[in-house]
């Protein structure tokens, strides 16, 4: 049994999983608002073209990332195996999510709605800003706290290999 069952790590994992639930709820709400605003505003306004498609792609990638992360966390907590490789793969996922956020920031003008934006449009940008902040904090917790702990723990579980020649 690994130290991942310690209270501190369990609380950290629960915090990360609570972010997962919030991310999906926020993205689903943002996607619905975006579709509504896009339909109402049409091509004659300054509503960012393609924002609804971007949010849909972001939701799909977020779900896929979370599924991989949750499967890996569950497996690691139960078996203590696979952290080093999995954290490397999740780092790649985080790079992809970072790219999504940067595109979203550019597309929305840093989440600043124009003066003609209605309440839905303003609410959409507020949700996008909230998601952005929470996802960045989520990734920071994983990249700077959880993953280093797990990598260190794995180093402690794997016996060092001797490179000295054997025999007489």
N, C-alpha and C. Protein backbone atom coordinates (compact mmCIF):
# COMPACT_ATOMS: atom_id res chain seq x y z
N UNK A 1 0.85 -1.18 0.00
CA UNK A 1 0.00 0.00 0.00
C UNK A 1 0.89 1.24 0.00
N UNK A 2 0.53 2.24 -0.80
CA UNK A 2 1.37 3.41 -0.96
C UNK A 2 0.92 4.53 -0.04
N UNK A 3 1.74 5.56 0.05
CA UNK A 3 1.38 6.70 0.88
C UNK A 3 0.26 7.52 0.25
N UNK A 4 -0.16 7.17 -0.98
CA UNK A 4 -1.29 7.86 -1.59
C UNK A 4 -2.54 7.70 -0.72
N UNK A 5 -2.56 6.73 0.17
CA UNK A 5 -3.71 6.56 1.05
C UNK A 5 -3.63 7.46 2.27
N UNK A 6 -2.56 8.22 2.38
CA UNK A 6 -2.43 9.17 3.48
C UNK A 6 -3.47 10.28 3.32
N UNK A 7 -3.87 10.85 4.43
CA UNK A 7 -4.92 11.87 4.44
C UNK A 7 -4.61 13.05 3.52
N UNK A 8 -3.39 13.55 3.53
CA UNK A 8 -3.04 14.70 2.72
C UNK A 8 -3.22 14.45 1.23
N UNK A 9 -2.74 13.31 0.76
CA UNK A 9 -2.87 12.99 -0.65
C UNK A 9 -4.32 12.70 -1.02
N UNK A 10 -5.04 12.05 -0.15
CA UNK A 10 -6.45 11.76 -0.42
C UNK A 10 -7.24 13.06 -0.52
N UNK A 11 -6.96 14.02 0.34
CA UNK A 11 -7.65 15.31 0.30
C UNK A 11 -7.30 16.06 -0.98
N UNK A 12 -6.05 15.98 -1.39
CA UNK A 12 -5.63 16.63 -2.63
C UNK A 12 -6.34 16.02 -3.83
N UNK A 13 -6.41 14.70 -3.86
CA UNK A 13 -7.11 14.03 -4.97
C UNK A 13 -8.58 14.40 -4.97
N UNK A 14 -9.21 14.46 -3.82
CA UNK A 14 -10.62 14.86 -3.76
C UNK A 14 -10.80 16.29 -4.26
N UNK A 15 -9.88 17.17 -3.94
CA UNK A 15 -9.95 18.55 -4.44
C UNK A 15 -9.86 18.57 -5.97
N UNK A 16 -8.95 17.77 -6.50
CA UNK A 16 -8.79 17.69 -7.95
C UNK A 16 -10.06 17.15 -8.60
N UNK A 17 -10.64 16.11 -8.01
CA UNK A 17 -11.87 15.55 -8.57
C UNK A 17 -13.03 16.53 -8.48
N UNK A 18 -13.06 17.36 -7.44
CA UNK A 18 -14.12 18.37 -7.36
C UNK A 18 -13.96 19.40 -8.48
N UNK A 19 -12.73 19.70 -8.86
CA UNK A 19 -12.51 20.56 -10.03
C UNK A 19 -13.09 19.91 -11.27
N UNK A 20 -12.91 18.61 -11.41
CA UNK A 20 -13.44 17.92 -12.59
C UNK A 20 -14.93 18.15 -12.73
N UNK A 21 -15.65 17.97 -11.64
CA UNK A 21 -17.10 18.15 -11.69
C UNK A 21 -17.46 19.59 -12.06
N UNK A 22 -16.77 20.54 -11.47
CA UNK A 22 -17.05 21.95 -11.75
C UNK A 22 -16.70 22.31 -13.20
N UNK A 23 -15.60 21.77 -13.71
CA UNK A 23 -15.20 22.07 -15.10
C UNK A 23 -16.29 21.66 -16.08
N UNK A 24 -16.79 20.46 -15.91
CA UNK A 24 -17.81 19.96 -16.84
C UNK A 24 -19.09 20.80 -16.73
N UNK A 25 -19.52 21.07 -15.52
CA UNK A 25 -20.73 21.88 -15.34
C UNK A 25 -20.56 23.27 -15.97
N UNK A 26 -19.42 23.90 -15.74
CA UNK A 26 -19.19 25.22 -16.31
C UNK A 26 -19.14 25.18 -17.83
N UNK A 27 -18.45 24.20 -18.38
CA UNK A 27 -18.35 24.11 -19.84
C UNK A 27 -19.70 23.81 -20.49
N UNK A 28 -20.49 22.93 -19.87
CA UNK A 28 -21.81 22.64 -20.42
C UNK A 28 -22.68 23.90 -20.41
N UNK A 29 -22.63 24.65 -19.31
CA UNK A 29 -23.40 25.90 -19.22
C UNK A 29 -22.89 26.93 -20.23
N UNK A 30 -21.57 27.04 -20.37
CA UNK A 30 -20.98 27.98 -21.32
C UNK A 30 -21.35 27.61 -22.76
N UNK A 31 -21.35 26.34 -23.06
CA UNK A 31 -21.71 25.88 -24.40
C UNK A 31 -23.16 26.23 -24.71
N UNK A 32 -24.05 26.01 -23.76
CA UNK A 32 -25.47 26.35 -23.97
C UNK A 32 -25.64 27.87 -24.16
N UNK A 33 -24.96 28.65 -23.34
CA UNK A 33 -25.04 30.11 -23.49
C UNK A 33 -24.48 30.56 -24.82
N UNK A 34 -23.35 29.99 -25.20
CA UNK A 34 -22.72 30.37 -26.46
C UNK A 34 -23.63 30.09 -27.65
N UNK A 35 -24.25 28.92 -27.66
CA UNK A 35 -25.17 28.58 -28.75
C UNK A 35 -26.34 29.56 -28.79
N UNK A 36 -26.86 29.90 -27.62
CA UNK A 36 -28.00 30.83 -27.54
C UNK A 36 -27.59 32.22 -28.03
N UNK A 37 -26.45 32.72 -27.58
CA UNK A 37 -25.99 34.05 -27.98
C UNK A 37 -25.65 34.06 -29.46
N UNK A 38 -24.97 33.04 -29.92
CA UNK A 38 -24.60 32.96 -31.34
C UNK A 38 -25.84 32.95 -32.22
N UNK A 39 -26.86 32.21 -31.82
CA UNK A 39 -28.11 32.16 -32.60
C UNK A 39 -28.78 33.53 -32.63
N UNK A 40 -28.80 34.20 -31.49
CA UNK A 40 -29.44 35.51 -31.39
C UNK A 40 -28.65 36.59 -32.12
N UNK A 41 -27.33 36.57 -31.97
CA UNK A 41 -26.49 37.63 -32.52
C UNK A 41 -26.22 37.45 -34.02
N UNK A 42 -26.07 36.21 -34.43
CA UNK A 42 -25.79 35.95 -35.83
C UNK A 42 -24.47 36.53 -36.28
N UNK A 43 -24.31 36.65 -37.58
CA UNK A 43 -23.05 37.11 -38.17
C UNK A 43 -22.94 38.63 -38.18
N UNK A 44 -23.96 39.33 -37.73
CA UNK A 44 -23.94 40.79 -37.81
C UNK A 44 -23.35 41.45 -36.57
N UNK A 45 -22.98 40.68 -35.58
CA UNK A 45 -22.44 41.26 -34.36
C UNK A 45 -20.96 40.93 -34.23
N UNK A 46 -20.40 41.37 -33.14
CA UNK A 46 -18.99 41.09 -32.88
C UNK A 46 -18.81 39.80 -32.07
N UNK A 47 -19.87 38.99 -31.97
CA UNK A 47 -19.73 37.72 -31.28
C UNK A 47 -18.70 36.88 -32.02
N UNK A 48 -17.74 36.31 -31.28
CA UNK A 48 -16.64 35.59 -31.94
C UNK A 48 -17.13 34.41 -32.77
N UNK A 49 -16.84 34.44 -34.06
CA UNK A 49 -17.23 33.29 -34.89
C UNK A 49 -16.45 32.06 -34.45
N UNK A 50 -17.15 30.95 -34.33
CA UNK A 50 -16.50 29.70 -33.96
C UNK A 50 -16.38 29.46 -32.47
N UNK A 51 -16.87 30.38 -31.64
CA UNK A 51 -16.74 30.20 -30.20
C UNK A 51 -17.49 28.96 -29.72
N UNK A 52 -18.68 28.73 -30.25
CA UNK A 52 -19.46 27.56 -29.84
C UNK A 52 -18.73 26.27 -30.23
N UNK A 53 -18.17 26.24 -31.43
CA UNK A 53 -17.39 25.06 -31.85
C UNK A 53 -16.17 24.87 -30.95
N UNK A 54 -15.49 25.96 -30.62
CA UNK A 54 -14.30 25.89 -29.75
C UNK A 54 -14.68 25.33 -28.38
N UNK A 55 -15.80 25.81 -27.81
CA UNK A 55 -16.24 25.32 -26.50
C UNK A 55 -16.64 23.85 -26.57
N UNK A 56 -17.24 23.45 -27.66
CA UNK A 56 -17.62 22.04 -27.83
C UNK A 56 -16.37 21.16 -27.87
N UNK A 57 -15.35 21.58 -28.62
CA UNK A 57 -14.09 20.83 -28.69
C UNK A 57 -13.41 20.81 -27.32
N UNK A 58 -13.45 21.93 -26.61
CA UNK A 58 -12.85 22.01 -25.28
C UNK A 58 -13.56 21.06 -24.32
N UNK A 59 -14.88 21.01 -24.39
CA UNK A 59 -15.64 20.11 -23.52
C UNK A 59 -15.26 18.65 -23.81
N UNK A 60 -15.17 18.29 -25.09
CA UNK A 60 -14.81 16.91 -25.45
C UNK A 60 -13.40 16.57 -24.96
N UNK A 61 -12.45 17.47 -25.16
CA UNK A 61 -11.08 17.20 -24.71
C UNK A 61 -10.98 17.19 -23.18
N UNK A 62 -11.76 18.03 -22.52
CA UNK A 62 -11.76 18.04 -21.05
C UNK A 62 -12.30 16.72 -20.52
N UNK A 63 -13.39 16.24 -21.09
CA UNK A 63 -13.95 14.95 -20.67
C UNK A 63 -12.95 13.82 -20.87
N UNK A 64 -12.30 13.81 -22.04
CA UNK A 64 -11.33 12.75 -22.34
C UNK A 64 -10.14 12.82 -21.37
N UNK A 65 -9.64 14.01 -21.13
CA UNK A 65 -8.53 14.18 -20.19
C UNK A 65 -8.93 13.72 -18.80
N UNK A 66 -10.09 14.14 -18.36
CA UNK A 66 -10.53 13.77 -17.01
C UNK A 66 -10.72 12.26 -16.89
N UNK A 67 -11.24 11.63 -17.91
CA UNK A 67 -11.42 10.17 -17.86
C UNK A 67 -10.07 9.47 -17.72
N UNK A 68 -9.06 9.92 -18.49
CA UNK A 68 -7.73 9.34 -18.38
C UNK A 68 -7.16 9.58 -16.98
N UNK A 69 -7.30 10.79 -16.51
CA UNK A 69 -6.74 11.14 -15.21
C UNK A 69 -7.41 10.36 -14.09
N UNK A 70 -8.73 10.26 -14.12
CA UNK A 70 -9.45 9.53 -13.07
C UNK A 70 -9.13 8.05 -13.11
N UNK A 71 -9.01 7.47 -14.29
CA UNK A 71 -8.66 6.05 -14.39
C UNK A 71 -7.26 5.82 -13.84
N UNK A 72 -6.34 6.70 -14.18
CA UNK A 72 -4.97 6.57 -13.69
C UNK A 72 -4.91 6.76 -12.18
N UNK A 73 -5.57 7.79 -11.66
CA UNK A 73 -5.56 8.03 -10.21
C UNK A 73 -6.13 6.84 -9.46
N UNK A 74 -7.24 6.32 -9.95
CA UNK A 74 -7.88 5.17 -9.31
C UNK A 74 -6.93 3.98 -9.31
N UNK A 75 -6.32 3.72 -10.45
CA UNK A 75 -5.39 2.59 -10.55
C UNK A 75 -4.18 2.79 -9.65
N UNK A 76 -3.64 4.00 -9.64
CA UNK A 76 -2.45 4.24 -8.82
C UNK A 76 -2.76 4.11 -7.34
N UNK A 77 -3.87 4.67 -6.92
CA UNK A 77 -4.22 4.61 -5.50
C UNK A 77 -4.39 3.15 -5.07
N UNK A 78 -4.98 2.33 -5.95
CA UNK A 78 -5.20 0.93 -5.60
C UNK A 78 -3.93 0.09 -5.68
N UNK A 79 -3.08 0.36 -6.70
CA UNK A 79 -1.95 -0.53 -6.94
C UNK A 79 -0.58 0.09 -6.71
N UNK A 80 -0.49 1.41 -6.77
CA UNK A 80 0.80 2.07 -6.64
C UNK A 80 1.66 1.96 -7.88
N UNK A 81 1.07 1.59 -9.00
CA UNK A 81 1.83 1.34 -10.21
C UNK A 81 1.47 2.36 -11.29
N UNK A 82 2.46 2.76 -12.07
CA UNK A 82 2.21 3.52 -13.28
C UNK A 82 2.31 5.03 -13.17
N UNK A 83 2.73 5.56 -12.06
CA UNK A 83 2.70 7.01 -11.87
C UNK A 83 3.63 7.75 -12.82
N UNK A 84 4.86 7.29 -12.95
CA UNK A 84 5.84 8.04 -13.73
C UNK A 84 5.39 8.18 -15.18
N UNK A 85 4.99 7.08 -15.81
CA UNK A 85 4.55 7.12 -17.20
C UNK A 85 3.26 7.92 -17.33
N UNK A 86 2.32 7.68 -16.44
CA UNK A 86 1.03 8.36 -16.52
C UNK A 86 1.18 9.86 -16.32
N UNK A 87 2.00 10.29 -15.39
CA UNK A 87 2.17 11.73 -15.19
C UNK A 87 2.80 12.37 -16.40
N UNK A 88 3.68 11.66 -17.10
CA UNK A 88 4.25 12.20 -18.34
C UNK A 88 3.17 12.38 -19.39
N UNK A 89 2.28 11.41 -19.52
CA UNK A 89 1.18 11.52 -20.49
C UNK A 89 0.21 12.64 -20.10
N UNK A 90 -0.06 12.76 -18.81
CA UNK A 90 -0.97 13.81 -18.36
C UNK A 90 -0.33 15.20 -18.53
N UNK A 91 0.98 15.28 -18.47
CA UNK A 91 1.66 16.54 -18.77
C UNK A 91 1.39 16.96 -20.21
N UNK A 92 1.39 15.99 -21.13
CA UNK A 92 1.08 16.28 -22.54
C UNK A 92 -0.36 16.77 -22.64
N UNK A 93 -1.28 16.13 -21.93
CA UNK A 93 -2.67 16.58 -21.90
C UNK A 93 -2.76 18.02 -21.39
N UNK A 94 -1.99 18.33 -20.37
CA UNK A 94 -2.02 19.68 -19.82
C UNK A 94 -1.54 20.71 -20.84
N UNK A 95 -0.57 20.33 -21.65
CA UNK A 95 -0.12 21.23 -22.71
C UNK A 95 -1.26 21.50 -23.69
N UNK A 96 -2.00 20.45 -24.04
CA UNK A 96 -3.15 20.61 -24.94
C UNK A 96 -4.21 21.51 -24.31
N UNK A 97 -4.49 21.31 -23.03
CA UNK A 97 -5.49 22.13 -22.36
C UNK A 97 -5.03 23.59 -22.30
N UNK A 98 -3.75 23.80 -22.08
CA UNK A 98 -3.18 25.15 -22.06
C UNK A 98 -3.40 25.83 -23.42
N UNK A 99 -3.18 25.08 -24.50
CA UNK A 99 -3.42 25.61 -25.85
C UNK A 99 -4.88 25.99 -26.03
N UNK A 100 -5.78 25.15 -25.55
CA UNK A 100 -7.22 25.47 -25.62
C UNK A 100 -7.49 26.79 -24.90
N UNK A 101 -6.94 26.95 -23.71
CA UNK A 101 -7.18 28.17 -22.95
C UNK A 101 -6.64 29.39 -23.68
N UNK A 102 -5.47 29.28 -24.26
CA UNK A 102 -4.89 30.42 -24.99
C UNK A 102 -5.75 30.80 -26.19
N UNK A 103 -6.27 29.81 -26.90
CA UNK A 103 -7.17 30.10 -28.04
C UNK A 103 -8.46 30.75 -27.55
N UNK A 104 -8.97 30.28 -26.42
CA UNK A 104 -10.20 30.85 -25.86
C UNK A 104 -9.97 32.31 -25.43
N UNK A 105 -8.84 32.58 -24.82
CA UNK A 105 -8.50 33.95 -24.42
C UNK A 105 -8.44 34.85 -25.65
N UNK A 106 -7.77 34.40 -26.70
CA UNK A 106 -7.66 35.21 -27.93
C UNK A 106 -9.03 35.40 -28.58
N UNK A 107 -9.80 34.34 -28.65
CA UNK A 107 -11.11 34.39 -29.32
C UNK A 107 -12.06 35.34 -28.61
N UNK A 108 -11.99 35.40 -27.30
CA UNK A 108 -12.92 36.23 -26.53
C UNK A 108 -12.34 37.60 -26.16
N UNK A 109 -11.13 37.89 -26.61
CA UNK A 109 -10.53 39.16 -26.23
C UNK A 109 -10.28 39.24 -24.73
N UNK A 110 -9.70 38.18 -24.18
CA UNK A 110 -9.40 38.08 -22.75
C UNK A 110 -10.67 38.12 -21.90
N UNK A 111 -11.73 37.54 -22.44
CA UNK A 111 -13.01 37.41 -21.72
C UNK A 111 -13.65 38.76 -21.41
N UNK A 112 -13.36 39.74 -22.23
CA UNK A 112 -13.95 41.07 -22.04
C UNK A 112 -15.07 41.26 -23.07
N UNK A 113 -16.33 41.21 -22.62
CA UNK A 113 -17.43 41.36 -23.58
C UNK A 113 -17.50 42.80 -24.10
N UNK A 114 -17.91 42.94 -25.35
CA UNK A 114 -18.04 44.29 -25.91
C UNK A 114 -19.23 45.02 -25.28
N UNK A 115 -19.29 46.30 -25.51
CA UNK A 115 -20.35 47.11 -24.90
C UNK A 115 -21.74 46.65 -25.31
N UNK A 116 -21.89 46.10 -26.51
CA UNK A 116 -23.22 45.67 -26.98
C UNK A 116 -23.63 44.29 -26.45
N UNK A 117 -22.78 43.66 -25.67
CA UNK A 117 -23.07 42.31 -25.17
C UNK A 117 -24.27 42.33 -24.22
N UNK A 118 -25.16 41.36 -24.41
CA UNK A 118 -26.32 41.23 -23.52
C UNK A 118 -25.93 40.42 -22.29
N UNK A 119 -26.89 40.17 -21.41
CA UNK A 119 -26.61 39.47 -20.15
C UNK A 119 -26.09 38.06 -20.39
N UNK A 120 -26.64 37.35 -21.38
CA UNK A 120 -26.16 35.99 -21.67
C UNK A 120 -24.70 36.01 -22.13
N UNK A 121 -24.38 36.95 -22.99
CA UNK A 121 -23.03 37.06 -23.52
C UNK A 121 -22.05 37.37 -22.38
N UNK A 122 -22.44 38.29 -21.52
CA UNK A 122 -21.60 38.63 -20.37
C UNK A 122 -21.46 37.42 -19.42
N UNK A 123 -22.56 36.71 -19.22
CA UNK A 123 -22.51 35.51 -18.40
C UNK A 123 -21.62 34.44 -19.00
N UNK A 124 -21.66 34.30 -20.31
CA UNK A 124 -20.81 33.35 -21.02
C UNK A 124 -19.33 33.67 -20.77
N UNK A 125 -18.96 34.91 -20.93
CA UNK A 125 -17.57 35.29 -20.74
C UNK A 125 -17.15 35.13 -19.27
N UNK A 126 -18.07 35.40 -18.36
CA UNK A 126 -17.76 35.20 -16.94
C UNK A 126 -17.52 33.72 -16.66
N UNK A 127 -18.33 32.84 -17.25
CA UNK A 127 -18.12 31.39 -17.09
C UNK A 127 -16.79 30.95 -17.70
N UNK A 128 -16.48 31.49 -18.86
CA UNK A 128 -15.21 31.14 -19.51
C UNK A 128 -14.04 31.59 -18.65
N UNK A 129 -14.12 32.78 -18.09
CA UNK A 129 -13.04 33.28 -17.21
C UNK A 129 -12.92 32.39 -15.97
N UNK A 130 -14.07 32.00 -15.39
CA UNK A 130 -14.07 31.13 -14.21
C UNK A 130 -13.42 29.79 -14.54
N UNK A 131 -13.84 29.19 -15.66
CA UNK A 131 -13.28 27.92 -16.09
C UNK A 131 -11.77 28.05 -16.28
N UNK A 132 -11.35 29.09 -16.96
CA UNK A 132 -9.93 29.32 -17.21
C UNK A 132 -9.15 29.35 -15.89
N UNK A 133 -9.60 30.13 -14.95
CA UNK A 133 -8.90 30.25 -13.67
C UNK A 133 -8.87 28.94 -12.90
N UNK A 134 -9.99 28.24 -12.88
CA UNK A 134 -10.05 26.98 -12.15
C UNK A 134 -9.22 25.89 -12.82
N UNK A 135 -9.23 25.85 -14.15
CA UNK A 135 -8.43 24.84 -14.84
C UNK A 135 -6.94 25.11 -14.62
N UNK A 136 -6.55 26.36 -14.69
CA UNK A 136 -5.13 26.68 -14.45
C UNK A 136 -4.72 26.29 -13.03
N UNK A 137 -5.58 26.53 -12.04
CA UNK A 137 -5.27 26.15 -10.66
C UNK A 137 -5.23 24.62 -10.53
N UNK A 138 -6.17 23.95 -11.17
CA UNK A 138 -6.21 22.49 -11.18
C UNK A 138 -4.89 21.93 -11.73
N UNK A 139 -4.47 22.44 -12.89
CA UNK A 139 -3.24 21.95 -13.49
C UNK A 139 -2.02 22.30 -12.63
N UNK A 140 -2.04 23.46 -11.99
CA UNK A 140 -0.95 23.84 -11.11
C UNK A 140 -0.84 22.87 -9.94
N UNK A 141 -1.98 22.51 -9.34
CA UNK A 141 -1.97 21.54 -8.24
C UNK A 141 -1.38 20.21 -8.69
N UNK A 142 -1.77 19.78 -9.86
CA UNK A 142 -1.25 18.50 -10.35
C UNK A 142 0.23 18.60 -10.72
N UNK A 143 0.57 19.62 -11.51
CA UNK A 143 1.93 19.73 -12.02
C UNK A 143 2.95 20.03 -10.93
N UNK A 144 2.56 20.83 -9.95
CA UNK A 144 3.54 21.28 -8.95
C UNK A 144 3.43 20.58 -7.61
N UNK A 145 2.30 19.90 -7.36
CA UNK A 145 2.12 19.25 -6.07
C UNK A 145 1.94 17.74 -6.23
N UNK A 146 0.86 17.32 -6.88
CA UNK A 146 0.54 15.89 -6.95
C UNK A 146 1.56 15.10 -7.77
N UNK A 147 1.83 15.51 -9.00
CA UNK A 147 2.72 14.72 -9.85
C UNK A 147 4.12 14.60 -9.26
N UNK A 148 4.72 15.69 -8.75
CA UNK A 148 6.04 15.51 -8.12
C UNK A 148 6.01 14.55 -6.93
N UNK A 149 4.94 14.60 -6.12
CA UNK A 149 4.82 13.66 -5.00
C UNK A 149 4.80 12.23 -5.51
N UNK A 150 4.02 12.01 -6.56
CA UNK A 150 3.90 10.66 -7.09
C UNK A 150 5.20 10.18 -7.73
N UNK A 151 5.86 11.07 -8.45
CA UNK A 151 7.14 10.69 -9.06
C UNK A 151 8.16 10.33 -7.97
N UNK A 152 8.16 11.11 -6.91
CA UNK A 152 9.07 10.84 -5.80
C UNK A 152 8.73 9.51 -5.13
N UNK A 153 7.45 9.28 -4.97
CA UNK A 153 7.02 8.02 -4.35
C UNK A 153 7.44 6.83 -5.20
N UNK A 154 7.28 6.95 -6.51
CA UNK A 154 7.67 5.86 -7.41
C UNK A 154 9.18 5.62 -7.32
N UNK A 155 9.96 6.70 -7.26
CA UNK A 155 11.41 6.53 -7.11
C UNK A 155 11.73 5.75 -5.84
N UNK A 156 10.94 5.95 -4.80
CA UNK A 156 11.15 5.23 -3.55
C UNK A 156 10.74 3.77 -3.63
N UNK A 157 9.81 3.44 -4.54
CA UNK A 157 9.35 2.06 -4.68
C UNK A 157 10.22 1.22 -5.60
N UNK A 158 10.88 1.89 -6.55
CA UNK A 158 11.68 1.17 -7.54
C UNK A 158 13.10 1.07 -7.01
N UNK A 159 13.60 -0.15 -6.84
CA UNK A 159 14.98 -0.31 -6.33
C UNK A 159 15.96 0.26 -7.35
N UNK A 160 16.99 0.92 -6.81
CA UNK A 160 18.03 1.44 -7.70
C UNK A 160 18.77 0.28 -8.33
N UNK A 161 19.08 0.42 -9.60
CA UNK A 161 19.79 -0.63 -10.30
C UNK A 161 21.29 -0.35 -10.21
N UNK A 162 22.01 -1.35 -9.91
CA UNK A 162 23.47 -1.23 -9.82
C UNK A 162 24.05 -1.34 -11.21
N UNK A 163 24.94 -0.44 -11.51
CA UNK A 163 25.60 -0.50 -12.82
C UNK A 163 27.01 -1.09 -12.70
N UNK A 164 27.32 -1.61 -11.51
CA UNK A 164 28.64 -2.23 -11.30
C UNK A 164 28.64 -3.59 -11.97
N UNK A 165 29.77 -3.97 -12.55
CA UNK A 165 29.84 -5.30 -13.18
C UNK A 165 29.66 -6.39 -12.14
N UNK A 166 29.01 -7.44 -12.55
CA UNK A 166 28.78 -8.55 -11.62
C UNK A 166 29.83 -9.63 -11.82
N UNK A 167 29.94 -10.47 -10.87
CA UNK A 167 30.86 -11.60 -10.99
C UNK A 167 32.26 -11.26 -10.52
N UNK A 168 33.16 -12.24 -10.65
CA UNK A 168 34.46 -12.11 -10.06
C UNK A 168 35.56 -11.76 -10.90
